[in-house]
Structure formats: C-alpha cells, structure tokens
N, C-alpha and C. Protein backbone atom coordinates (compact mmCIF):
# COMPACT_ATOMS: atom_id res chain seq x y z
N MET A 1 6.22 15.01 4.29
CA MET A 1 5.44 14.66 3.12
C MET A 1 4.58 13.45 3.43
N ILE A 2 3.33 13.48 3.06
CA ILE A 2 2.41 12.36 3.24
C ILE A 2 2.45 11.49 2.00
N VAL A 3 2.68 10.21 2.19
CA VAL A 3 2.73 9.28 1.07
C VAL A 3 1.37 8.60 0.94
N PRO A 4 0.73 8.67 -0.23
CA PRO A 4 -0.56 7.99 -0.43
C PRO A 4 -0.40 6.49 -0.27
N TYR A 5 -1.49 5.82 0.08
CA TYR A 5 -1.44 4.39 0.34
C TYR A 5 -2.70 3.74 -0.22
N SER A 6 -2.52 2.65 -0.95
CA SER A 6 -3.65 1.89 -1.49
C SER A 6 -3.59 0.48 -0.94
N SER A 7 -4.74 -0.06 -0.55
CA SER A 7 -4.79 -1.42 -0.02
C SER A 7 -6.16 -2.02 -0.34
N TYR A 8 -6.14 -3.25 -0.87
CA TYR A 8 -7.36 -3.96 -1.22
C TYR A 8 -7.23 -5.39 -0.74
N THR A 9 -8.30 -5.94 -0.20
CA THR A 9 -8.29 -7.31 0.31
C THR A 9 -9.42 -8.10 -0.34
N THR A 10 -9.15 -9.37 -0.66
CA THR A 10 -10.15 -10.24 -1.26
C THR A 10 -9.85 -11.69 -0.89
N SER A 11 -10.74 -12.58 -1.28
CA SER A 11 -10.52 -14.02 -1.14
C SER A 11 -11.22 -14.70 -2.31
N GLY A 12 -10.88 -15.97 -2.54
CA GLY A 12 -11.50 -16.69 -3.63
C GLY A 12 -10.76 -17.96 -3.96
N SER A 13 -11.09 -18.53 -5.10
CA SER A 13 -10.43 -19.75 -5.54
C SER A 13 -10.46 -19.80 -7.06
N PHE A 14 -9.59 -20.64 -7.63
CA PHE A 14 -9.57 -20.80 -9.08
C PHE A 14 -9.06 -22.18 -9.44
N LYS A 15 -9.57 -22.68 -10.57
CA LYS A 15 -9.15 -23.99 -11.08
C LYS A 15 -8.07 -23.85 -12.15
N VAL A 16 -8.10 -22.78 -12.94
CA VAL A 16 -7.08 -22.54 -13.96
C VAL A 16 -6.61 -21.09 -13.91
N GLN A 17 -7.55 -20.13 -13.93
CA GLN A 17 -7.17 -18.73 -13.97
C GLN A 17 -8.22 -17.86 -13.29
N LEU A 18 -7.74 -16.78 -12.69
CA LEU A 18 -8.61 -15.80 -12.04
C LEU A 18 -8.04 -14.41 -12.29
N ARG A 19 -8.86 -13.51 -12.80
CA ARG A 19 -8.45 -12.12 -13.02
C ARG A 19 -9.15 -11.25 -11.99
N THR A 20 -8.40 -10.41 -11.30
CA THR A 20 -8.98 -9.53 -10.30
C THR A 20 -9.56 -8.29 -10.98
N PRO A 21 -10.44 -7.58 -10.28
CA PRO A 21 -10.89 -6.29 -10.82
C PRO A 21 -9.71 -5.32 -10.90
N THR A 22 -9.81 -4.34 -11.76
CA THR A 22 -8.81 -3.28 -11.86
C THR A 22 -8.95 -2.37 -10.65
N ARG A 23 -7.82 -2.05 -10.05
CA ARG A 23 -7.80 -1.16 -8.88
C ARG A 23 -6.71 -0.11 -9.08
N TYR A 24 -6.92 1.04 -8.45
CA TYR A 24 -5.93 2.10 -8.52
C TYR A 24 -4.93 1.96 -7.38
N PHE A 25 -3.64 2.05 -7.72
CA PHE A 25 -2.56 2.06 -6.72
C PHE A 25 -1.81 3.37 -6.89
N ASP A 26 -1.48 4.02 -5.77
CA ASP A 26 -0.89 5.35 -5.84
C ASP A 26 0.56 5.42 -5.39
N GLY A 27 1.24 4.29 -5.31
CA GLY A 27 2.64 4.28 -4.92
C GLY A 27 3.52 3.74 -6.03
N ASN A 28 4.81 3.58 -5.74
CA ASN A 28 5.74 3.08 -6.74
C ASN A 28 5.89 1.56 -6.73
N ASN A 29 5.63 0.92 -5.60
CA ASN A 29 5.75 -0.53 -5.49
C ASN A 29 4.38 -1.13 -5.22
N ILE A 30 4.12 -2.30 -5.79
CA ILE A 30 2.86 -3.00 -5.54
C ILE A 30 3.20 -4.36 -4.96
N ASN A 31 2.55 -4.69 -3.85
CA ASN A 31 2.78 -5.95 -3.14
C ASN A 31 1.52 -6.80 -3.16
N CYS A 32 1.71 -8.09 -3.12
CA CYS A 32 0.60 -9.04 -2.98
C CYS A 32 0.99 -10.03 -1.89
N THR A 33 0.22 -10.06 -0.82
CA THR A 33 0.40 -11.06 0.23
C THR A 33 -0.80 -11.99 0.17
N ILE A 34 -0.52 -13.28 -0.01
CA ILE A 34 -1.58 -14.27 -0.20
C ILE A 34 -1.43 -15.42 0.78
N THR A 35 -2.54 -15.77 1.42
CA THR A 35 -2.61 -16.98 2.23
C THR A 35 -3.35 -18.00 1.38
N THR A 36 -2.70 -19.12 1.08
CA THR A 36 -3.20 -20.01 0.05
C THR A 36 -2.98 -21.48 0.40
N HIS A 37 -3.74 -22.34 -0.25
CA HIS A 37 -3.52 -23.79 -0.21
C HIS A 37 -4.21 -24.41 -1.42
N ASN A 38 -3.79 -25.63 -1.77
CA ASN A 38 -4.34 -26.33 -2.92
C ASN A 38 -5.19 -27.49 -2.44
N SER A 39 -6.28 -27.78 -3.16
CA SER A 39 -7.21 -28.84 -2.76
C SER A 39 -6.55 -30.21 -2.72
N ALA A 40 -5.50 -30.41 -3.50
CA ALA A 40 -4.84 -31.73 -3.56
C ALA A 40 -3.56 -31.78 -2.75
N GLY A 41 -3.19 -30.69 -2.11
CA GLY A 41 -1.92 -30.67 -1.40
C GLY A 41 -0.77 -30.58 -2.39
N THR A 42 0.43 -30.95 -1.95
CA THR A 42 1.59 -30.83 -2.83
C THR A 42 2.40 -32.12 -2.93
N ASP A 43 2.01 -33.18 -2.28
CA ASP A 43 2.80 -34.41 -2.28
C ASP A 43 2.21 -35.48 -3.18
N ASN A 44 1.60 -35.12 -4.29
CA ASN A 44 0.87 -36.10 -5.08
C ASN A 44 1.18 -36.04 -6.57
N GLY A 45 2.27 -35.44 -6.96
CA GLY A 45 2.65 -35.39 -8.36
C GLY A 45 2.11 -34.22 -9.15
N TYR A 46 1.25 -33.39 -8.57
CA TYR A 46 0.77 -32.19 -9.26
C TYR A 46 1.87 -31.13 -9.25
N PRO A 47 1.80 -30.16 -10.15
CA PRO A 47 2.79 -29.07 -10.12
C PRO A 47 2.81 -28.41 -8.74
N SER A 48 3.96 -27.92 -8.35
CA SER A 48 4.12 -27.38 -7.00
C SER A 48 3.98 -25.87 -6.91
N THR A 49 3.72 -25.19 -8.05
CA THR A 49 3.63 -23.73 -8.02
C THR A 49 2.46 -23.23 -8.86
N PHE A 50 2.11 -21.97 -8.63
CA PHE A 50 1.19 -21.24 -9.50
C PHE A 50 1.77 -19.86 -9.74
N LYS A 51 1.15 -19.08 -10.62
CA LYS A 51 1.72 -17.79 -11.01
C LYS A 51 0.76 -16.64 -10.69
N ILE A 52 1.36 -15.50 -10.36
CA ILE A 52 0.62 -14.26 -10.17
C ILE A 52 1.25 -13.23 -11.10
N ALA A 53 0.47 -12.75 -12.06
CA ALA A 53 0.95 -11.74 -13.01
C ALA A 53 0.30 -10.40 -12.71
N LEU A 54 1.06 -9.34 -12.87
CA LEU A 54 0.57 -7.97 -12.66
C LEU A 54 0.52 -7.26 -14.01
N TYR A 55 -0.61 -6.58 -14.27
CA TYR A 55 -0.80 -5.82 -15.51
C TYR A 55 -1.24 -4.40 -15.19
N ARG A 56 -0.71 -3.45 -15.95
CA ARG A 56 -1.23 -2.08 -15.90
C ARG A 56 -2.38 -2.01 -16.89
N ASP A 57 -3.54 -1.57 -16.42
CA ASP A 57 -4.73 -1.50 -17.25
C ASP A 57 -4.71 -0.21 -18.06
N GLY A 58 -4.96 -0.33 -19.33
CA GLY A 58 -4.98 0.84 -20.19
C GLY A 58 -5.47 0.45 -21.57
N PHE A 59 -5.32 1.37 -22.52
CA PHE A 59 -5.73 1.08 -23.88
C PHE A 59 -5.03 -0.18 -24.38
N TRP A 60 -3.73 -0.25 -24.14
CA TRP A 60 -2.95 -1.47 -24.37
C TRP A 60 -2.50 -1.95 -23.00
N ASP A 61 -3.03 -3.06 -22.51
CA ASP A 61 -2.61 -3.57 -21.20
C ASP A 61 -1.12 -3.88 -21.24
N ASN A 62 -0.44 -3.53 -20.17
CA ASN A 62 1.00 -3.69 -20.09
C ASN A 62 1.35 -4.74 -19.03
N HIS A 63 1.96 -5.84 -19.44
CA HIS A 63 2.38 -6.88 -18.50
C HIS A 63 3.60 -6.36 -17.75
N ILE A 64 3.46 -6.21 -16.43
CA ILE A 64 4.54 -5.69 -15.60
C ILE A 64 5.51 -6.80 -15.21
N GLY A 65 4.98 -7.95 -14.82
CA GLY A 65 5.83 -9.06 -14.41
C GLY A 65 5.01 -10.18 -13.81
N THR A 66 5.64 -11.34 -13.66
CA THR A 66 4.98 -12.52 -13.13
C THR A 66 5.83 -13.11 -12.01
N ALA A 67 5.18 -13.47 -10.92
CA ALA A 67 5.84 -14.12 -9.79
C ALA A 67 5.34 -15.56 -9.69
N THR A 68 6.21 -16.45 -9.26
CA THR A 68 5.86 -17.84 -9.05
C THR A 68 5.72 -18.07 -7.55
N VAL A 69 4.60 -18.71 -7.15
CA VAL A 69 4.29 -18.92 -5.74
C VAL A 69 4.03 -20.41 -5.51
N SER A 70 4.43 -20.90 -4.37
CA SER A 70 4.22 -22.30 -4.01
C SER A 70 2.74 -22.60 -3.81
N ARG A 71 2.32 -23.79 -4.23
CA ARG A 71 0.94 -24.24 -3.96
C ARG A 71 0.81 -24.76 -2.54
N GLU A 72 1.91 -24.97 -1.87
CA GLU A 72 1.88 -25.48 -0.49
C GLU A 72 1.19 -24.46 0.41
N ALA A 73 0.43 -24.96 1.37
CA ALA A 73 -0.29 -24.08 2.29
C ALA A 73 0.69 -23.13 2.99
N GLY A 74 0.34 -21.85 2.99
CA GLY A 74 1.18 -20.86 3.65
C GLY A 74 0.81 -19.46 3.23
N THR A 75 1.58 -18.50 3.72
CA THR A 75 1.40 -17.10 3.38
C THR A 75 2.66 -16.62 2.66
N TYR A 76 2.47 -16.01 1.50
CA TYR A 76 3.57 -15.59 0.65
C TYR A 76 3.38 -14.14 0.25
N THR A 77 4.50 -13.42 0.07
CA THR A 77 4.45 -12.03 -0.38
C THR A 77 5.34 -11.88 -1.60
N VAL A 78 4.82 -11.21 -2.62
CA VAL A 78 5.60 -10.85 -3.80
C VAL A 78 5.48 -9.35 -4.02
N THR A 79 6.53 -8.76 -4.61
CA THR A 79 6.59 -7.31 -4.80
C THR A 79 7.02 -6.99 -6.22
N TRP A 80 6.35 -6.00 -6.82
CA TRP A 80 6.77 -5.44 -8.09
C TRP A 80 7.24 -4.03 -7.77
N SER A 81 8.49 -3.71 -8.08
CA SER A 81 9.09 -2.43 -7.71
C SER A 81 9.08 -1.44 -8.86
N ASN A 82 9.01 -0.16 -8.50
CA ASN A 82 9.12 0.95 -9.45
C ASN A 82 8.11 0.88 -10.59
N VAL A 83 6.87 0.54 -10.27
CA VAL A 83 5.84 0.46 -11.32
C VAL A 83 5.08 1.77 -11.48
N GLY A 84 5.08 2.62 -10.46
CA GLY A 84 4.41 3.91 -10.53
C GLY A 84 2.92 3.80 -10.29
N PRO A 85 2.28 4.93 -9.98
CA PRO A 85 0.85 4.93 -9.73
C PRO A 85 0.07 4.64 -11.01
N GLY A 86 -1.11 4.04 -10.83
CA GLY A 86 -1.95 3.75 -11.98
C GLY A 86 -2.98 2.68 -11.68
N ASN A 87 -3.69 2.27 -12.70
CA ASN A 87 -4.71 1.22 -12.58
C ASN A 87 -4.09 -0.12 -12.94
N TYR A 88 -4.22 -1.09 -12.04
CA TYR A 88 -3.60 -2.39 -12.20
C TYR A 88 -4.59 -3.51 -11.91
N TYR A 89 -4.31 -4.67 -12.47
CA TYR A 89 -5.04 -5.89 -12.12
C TYR A 89 -4.07 -7.05 -12.08
N PHE A 90 -4.49 -8.13 -11.41
CA PHE A 90 -3.68 -9.33 -11.25
C PHE A 90 -4.36 -10.50 -11.95
N VAL A 91 -3.55 -11.41 -12.46
CA VAL A 91 -4.07 -12.65 -13.03
C VAL A 91 -3.36 -13.80 -12.31
N PHE A 92 -4.15 -14.64 -11.65
CA PHE A 92 -3.64 -15.83 -10.99
C PHE A 92 -3.85 -17.00 -11.96
N SER A 93 -2.86 -17.86 -12.13
CA SER A 93 -3.02 -18.99 -13.05
C SER A 93 -2.22 -20.19 -12.57
N LYS A 94 -2.73 -21.37 -12.96
CA LYS A 94 -2.06 -22.62 -12.63
C LYS A 94 -2.40 -23.65 -13.70
N ALA A 95 -1.75 -24.78 -13.63
CA ALA A 95 -2.01 -25.86 -14.60
C ALA A 95 -3.46 -26.32 -14.49
N ASP A 96 -4.02 -26.72 -15.62
CA ASP A 96 -5.38 -27.26 -15.66
C ASP A 96 -5.31 -28.75 -15.28
N ASP A 97 -5.19 -28.99 -13.97
CA ASP A 97 -4.96 -30.35 -13.48
C ASP A 97 -6.08 -30.89 -12.60
N GLY A 98 -7.23 -30.20 -12.59
CA GLY A 98 -8.38 -30.67 -11.82
C GLY A 98 -8.38 -30.26 -10.36
N THR A 99 -7.33 -29.60 -9.89
CA THR A 99 -7.30 -29.16 -8.50
C THR A 99 -7.79 -27.72 -8.41
N THR A 100 -8.06 -27.28 -7.18
CA THR A 100 -8.48 -25.90 -6.92
C THR A 100 -7.45 -25.24 -6.03
N GLN A 101 -7.05 -24.02 -6.38
CA GLN A 101 -6.16 -23.23 -5.55
C GLN A 101 -7.02 -22.24 -4.78
N TYR A 102 -6.91 -22.27 -3.46
CA TYR A 102 -7.70 -21.39 -2.60
C TYR A 102 -6.84 -20.24 -2.10
N ALA A 103 -7.41 -19.06 -2.11
CA ALA A 103 -6.78 -17.87 -1.54
C ALA A 103 -7.69 -17.39 -0.43
N THR A 104 -7.42 -17.84 0.79
CA THR A 104 -8.32 -17.50 1.89
C THR A 104 -8.22 -16.04 2.28
N GLU A 105 -7.08 -15.42 2.01
CA GLU A 105 -6.95 -13.97 2.18
C GLU A 105 -5.86 -13.49 1.24
N THR A 106 -6.20 -12.51 0.43
CA THR A 106 -5.23 -11.90 -0.48
C THR A 106 -5.29 -10.40 -0.28
N ARG A 107 -4.13 -9.81 -0.05
CA ARG A 107 -4.05 -8.36 0.18
C ARG A 107 -3.12 -7.76 -0.86
N PHE A 108 -3.63 -6.77 -1.59
CA PHE A 108 -2.83 -6.02 -2.56
C PHE A 108 -2.60 -4.64 -1.96
N TYR A 109 -1.37 -4.16 -1.94
CA TYR A 109 -1.08 -2.89 -1.28
C TYR A 109 0.22 -2.30 -1.81
N ASN A 110 0.39 -1.01 -1.51
CA ASN A 110 1.66 -0.35 -1.82
C ASN A 110 2.06 0.55 -0.69
C-alpha cells in the first residue's frame, strides 16, 4: 500500500502572532520541525517559550492542540497524532514583549 505524503516548508518571523496559509495534509499525524531563535536570546528575563497551535480549517475552525517550544536557538519537532487528512493551518504566538522570533526553516509534514 502506498501512503500519501504531504510536506511544506517556509521561513519567517513574528513579533506576537503568525498564521500560516491553510494546507492539505493527507496522513493521520502532522509534524512541525522548526529551526528558530529569538532576537533577544533567552538569558534576559523575557519568557522562555512560544506556542504553536494547529487548527483544522473548515466552516467552524477546530483547534486540534497547542505545543510549547523553547525560544532558545535550536531545532525542535512537535507532533499532533491521529488528526486525519484535511485542511490545516498553524498559528505561532508569543508574548508581546518587543522581541522577534525567527523561524529560519519550518517544515510541516506527515
């Protein structure tokens, strides 16, 4: 049996929130691998994490779940299991603290 595969790559930055375009995923699990860093670093009293939320796009958007990721420079992977095929988007968010969170490479895949 051939298993369908969806993969999308992007980069960018955000000061408070960033919503990705809606994309179709054809598997049961959705993963996000992000290479990231914060403009202020992490040793200066700013919050040490940001959030990545997954939503199923539809007439009523459905919040699937939210993962917490370190603002420290590095590469991190989060997984949402058993979500099923469909149209999804991600929302990245962090405290409105004047810093910028950079995502030099972000890959969404299943």
